[in-house]
């Protein structure tokens, strides 16, 4: 491979020309960077942002975080009507609970029957 490169003629001033080209490009790049205008934010925009932040902080501090308490009002003005309604609701809840208890007792009876049958099967 070195033999191939040895046959290629390299100009004598190639290094100097490359160095000069690199220096020229670097100088042009630094000029372009230096010529860019500095971007400034107008004063009124900065003040608008500061005022918005101040308003948000003030509102967050001054407004209460908790909801107002809910007051439960009486639904009946007559005591007897309230008692009658309460009794009906409790009867309804009791009937629902009795349905559940009945299902549990039926299941218990079924399990007892199955256990009895299993005892007789094991004995024989």
C-alpha atoms as a PDB file:
ATOM      1  CA  UNK A   1       0.000   0.000   0.000  1.00  0.00           C
ATOM      2  CA  UNK A   2       2.867   2.351   0.732  1.00  0.00           C
ATOM      3  CA  UNK A   3       4.141   1.783  -2.803  1.00  0.00           C
ATOM      4  CA  UNK A   4       0.920   3.185  -4.215  1.00  0.00           C
ATOM      5  CA  UNK A   5       1.237   6.344  -2.150  1.00  0.00           C
ATOM      6  CA  UNK A   6       4.867   6.817  -3.010  1.00  0.00           C
ATOM      7  CA  UNK A   7       4.004   7.161  -6.674  1.00  0.00           C
ATOM      8  CA  UNK A   8       1.599  10.091  -6.000  1.00  0.00           C
ATOM      9  CA  UNK A   9       3.248  13.484  -6.302  1.00  0.00           C
ATOM     10  CA  UNK A  10       2.389  15.960  -3.516  1.00  0.00           C
ATOM     11  CA  UNK A  11       2.879  19.650  -4.304  1.00  0.00           C
ATOM     12  CA  UNK A  12       5.556  21.302  -2.214  1.00  0.00           C
ATOM     13  CA  UNK A  13       3.391  24.165  -0.957  1.00  0.00           C
ATOM     14  CA  UNK A  14       0.288  21.987  -0.174  1.00  0.00           C
ATOM     15  CA  UNK A  15       0.687  22.279   3.595  1.00  0.00           C
ATOM     16  CA  UNK A  16       1.032  26.050   3.464  1.00  0.00           C
ATOM     17  CA  UNK A  17      -2.017  26.408   1.185  1.00  0.00           C
ATOM     18  CA  UNK A  18      -4.144  24.161   3.438  1.00  0.00           C
ATOM     19  CA  UNK A  19      -3.063  26.082   6.515  1.00  0.00           C
ATOM     20  CA  UNK A  20      -3.841  29.412   4.820  1.00  0.00           C
ATOM     21  CA  UNK A  21      -7.287  28.162   3.734  1.00  0.00           C
ATOM     22  CA  UNK A  22      -8.103  26.962   7.248  1.00  0.00           C
ATOM     23  CA  UNK A  23      -7.004  30.295   8.731  1.00  0.00           C
ATOM     24  CA  UNK A  24      -9.066  32.240   6.174  1.00  0.00           C
ATOM     25  CA  UNK A  25     -12.216  30.172   6.852  1.00  0.00           C
ATOM     26  CA  UNK A  26     -11.770  30.563  10.612  1.00  0.00           C
ATOM     27  CA  UNK A  27     -11.423  34.344  10.222  1.00  0.00           C
ATOM     28  CA  UNK A  28     -14.586  34.515   8.061  1.00  0.00           C
ATOM     29  CA  UNK A  29     -16.503  32.439  10.612  1.00  0.00           C
ATOM     30  CA  UNK A  30     -15.448  34.682  13.496  1.00  0.00           C
ATOM     31  CA  UNK A  31     -16.543  37.752  11.508  1.00  0.00           C
ATOM     32  CA  UNK A  32     -19.973  36.247  10.858  1.00  0.00           C
ATOM     33  CA  UNK A  33     -20.380  35.456  14.552  1.00  0.00           C
ATOM     34  CA  UNK A  34     -19.261  38.947  15.531  1.00  0.00           C
ATOM     35  CA  UNK A  35     -21.650  40.601  13.043  1.00  0.00           C
ATOM     36  CA  UNK A  36     -24.764  38.913  14.458  1.00  0.00           C
ATOM     37  CA  UNK A  37     -26.902  41.450  16.286  1.00  0.00           C
ATOM     38  CA  UNK A  38     -27.439  40.886  19.974  1.00  0.00           C
ATOM     39  CA  UNK A  39     -31.063  39.956  20.567  1.00  0.00           C
ATOM     40  CA  UNK A  40     -32.524  42.038  23.350  1.00  0.00           C
ATOM     41  CA  UNK A  41     -35.884  41.608  25.015  1.00  0.00           C
ATOM     42  CA  UNK A  42     -37.811  44.861  25.210  1.00  0.00           C
ATOM     43  CA  UNK A  43     -38.362  46.255  28.690  1.00  0.00           C
ATOM     44  CA  UNK A  44     -42.161  46.165  28.440  1.00  0.00           C
ATOM     45  CA  UNK A  45     -42.115  42.405  27.752  1.00  0.00           C
ATOM     46  CA  UNK A  46     -39.947  41.726  30.793  1.00  0.00           C
ATOM     47  CA  UNK A  47     -42.217  43.906  32.939  1.00  0.00           C
ATOM     48  CA  UNK A  48     -45.313  42.100  31.625  1.00  0.00           C
ATOM     49  CA  UNK A  49     -43.868  38.724  32.595  1.00  0.00           C
ATOM     50  CA  UNK A  50     -42.874  40.001  36.039  1.00  0.00           C
ATOM     51  CA  UNK A  51     -46.344  41.473  36.609  1.00  0.00           C
ATOM     52  CA  UNK A  52     -48.008  38.200  35.577  1.00  0.00           C
ATOM     53  CA  UNK A  53     -45.863  36.231  37.987  1.00  0.00           C
ATOM     54  CA  UNK A  54     -46.642  38.701  40.782  1.00  0.00           C
ATOM     55  CA  UNK A  55     -50.397  38.409  40.133  1.00  0.00           C
ATOM     56  CA  UNK A  56     -50.268  34.597  40.125  1.00  0.00           C
ATOM     57  CA  UNK A  57     -48.326  34.499  43.404  1.00  0.00           C
ATOM     58  CA  UNK A  58     -50.690  37.005  45.025  1.00  0.00           C
ATOM     59  CA  UNK A  59     -53.785  35.058  43.981  1.00  0.00           C
ATOM     60  CA  UNK A  60     -52.351  31.731  45.106  1.00  0.00           C
ATOM     61  CA  UNK A  61     -51.547  33.129  48.541  1.00  0.00           C
ATOM     62  CA  UNK A  62     -54.742  35.105  49.077  1.00  0.00           C
ATOM     63  CA  UNK A  63     -57.345  32.608  47.838  1.00  0.00           C
ATOM     64  CA  UNK A  64     -58.313  29.899  50.321  1.00  0.00           C
ATOM     65  CA  UNK A  65     -57.402  26.350  49.416  1.00  0.00           C
ATOM     66  CA  UNK A  66     -60.229  24.671  51.325  1.00  0.00           C
ATOM     67  CA  UNK A  67     -63.785  24.333  50.082  1.00  0.00           C
ATOM     68  CA  UNK A  68     -66.536  25.921  52.055  1.00  0.00           C
ATOM     69  CA  UNK A  69     -68.154  23.553  54.556  1.00  0.00           C
ATOM     70  CA  UNK A  70     -71.401  21.936  53.500  1.00  0.00           C
ATOM     71  CA  UNK A  71     -74.223  22.420  55.940  1.00  0.00           C
ATOM     72  CA  UNK A  72     -76.837  19.689  56.001  1.00  0.00           C
ATOM     73  CA  UNK A  73     -80.307  21.114  56.194  1.00  0.00           C
ATOM     74  CA  UNK A  74     -83.273  19.363  57.754  1.00  0.00           C
ATOM     75  CA  UNK A  75     -85.433  17.630  55.168  1.00  0.00           C
ATOM     76  CA  UNK A  76     -88.546  17.369  57.335  1.00  0.00           C
ATOM     77  CA  UNK A  77     -90.207  20.071  59.328  1.00  0.00           C
ATOM     78  CA  UNK A  78     -92.522  17.590  61.040  1.00  0.00           C
ATOM     79  CA  UNK A  79     -90.896  15.168  63.491  1.00  0.00           C
ATOM     80  CA  UNK A  80     -93.467  12.439  62.907  1.00  0.00           C
ATOM     81  CA  UNK A  81     -92.854  12.471  59.147  1.00  0.00           C
ATOM     82  CA  UNK A  82     -89.105  12.178  59.737  1.00  0.00           C
ATOM     83  CA  UNK A  83     -89.659   9.262  62.128  1.00  0.00           C
ATOM     84  CA  UNK A  84     -91.929   7.489  59.636  1.00  0.00           C
ATOM     85  CA  UNK A  85     -89.408   7.916  56.805  1.00  0.00           C
ATOM     86  CA  UNK A  86     -86.551   6.683  59.017  1.00  0.00           C
ATOM     87  CA  UNK A  87     -88.565   3.617  59.980  1.00  0.00           C
ATOM     88  CA  UNK A  88     -89.287   2.798  56.320  1.00  0.00           C
ATOM     89  CA  UNK A  89     -85.611   3.108  55.379  1.00  0.00           C
ATOM     90  CA  UNK A  90     -84.547   0.880  58.275  1.00  0.00           C
ATOM     91  CA  UNK A  91     -87.184  -1.712  57.303  1.00  0.00           C
ATOM     92  CA  UNK A  92     -85.812  -1.718  53.754  1.00  0.00           C
ATOM     93  CA  UNK A  93     -82.223  -2.166  54.986  1.00  0.00           C
ATOM     94  CA  UNK A  94     -83.371  -4.944  57.316  1.00  0.00           C
ATOM     95  CA  UNK A  95     -85.108  -6.800  54.473  1.00  0.00           C
ATOM     96  CA  UNK A  96     -81.942  -6.636  52.365  1.00  0.00           C
ATOM     97  CA  UNK A  97     -79.854  -7.958  55.233  1.00  0.00           C
ATOM     98  CA  UNK A  98     -82.343 -10.773  55.860  1.00  0.00           C
ATOM     99  CA  UNK A  99     -82.020 -11.861  52.228  1.00  0.00           C
ATOM    100  CA  UNK A 100     -78.267 -12.112  52.691  1.00  0.00           C
ATOM    101  CA  UNK A 101     -78.589 -13.980  55.983  1.00  0.00           C
ATOM    102  CA  UNK A 102     -81.050 -16.442  54.413  1.00  0.00           C
ATOM    103  CA  UNK A 103     -78.613 -17.168  51.587  1.00  0.00           C
ATOM    104  CA  UNK A 104     -75.811 -17.751  54.093  1.00  0.00           C
ATOM    105  CA  UNK A 105     -77.962 -20.141  56.153  1.00  0.00           C
ATOM    106  CA  UNK A 106     -78.949 -22.063  53.000  1.00  0.00           C
ATOM    107  CA  UNK A 107     -75.295 -22.379  52.067  1.00  0.00           C
ATOM    108  CA  UNK A 108     -74.456 -23.555  55.597  1.00  0.00           C
ATOM    109  CA  UNK A 109     -77.173 -26.244  55.402  1.00  0.00           C
ATOM    110  CA  UNK A 110     -75.824 -27.415  52.024  1.00  0.00           C
ATOM    111  CA  UNK A 111     -72.285 -27.630  53.366  1.00  0.00           C
ATOM    112  CA  UNK A 112     -73.503 -29.587  56.419  1.00  0.00           C
ATOM    113  CA  UNK A 113     -75.323 -32.021  54.150  1.00  0.00           C
ATOM    114  CA  UNK A 114     -72.252 -32.491  51.964  1.00  0.00           C
ATOM    115  CA  UNK A 115     -70.052 -33.070  55.030  1.00  0.00           C
ATOM    116  CA  UNK A 116     -72.505 -35.706  56.344  1.00  0.00           C
ATOM    117  CA  UNK A 117     -72.524 -37.517  53.000  1.00  0.00           C
ATOM    118  CA  UNK A 118     -68.716 -37.395  52.914  1.00  0.00           C
ATOM    119  CA  UNK A 119     -68.545 -39.023  56.383  1.00  0.00           C
ATOM    120  CA  UNK A 120     -70.719 -41.933  55.229  1.00  0.00           C
ATOM    121  CA  UNK A 121     -68.676 -42.371  52.077  1.00  0.00           C
ATOM    122  CA  UNK A 122     -65.430 -42.552  54.087  1.00  0.00           C
ATOM    123  CA  UNK A 123     -66.836 -45.119  56.527  1.00  0.00           C
ATOM    124  CA  UNK A 124     -67.818 -47.590  53.818  1.00  0.00           C
END
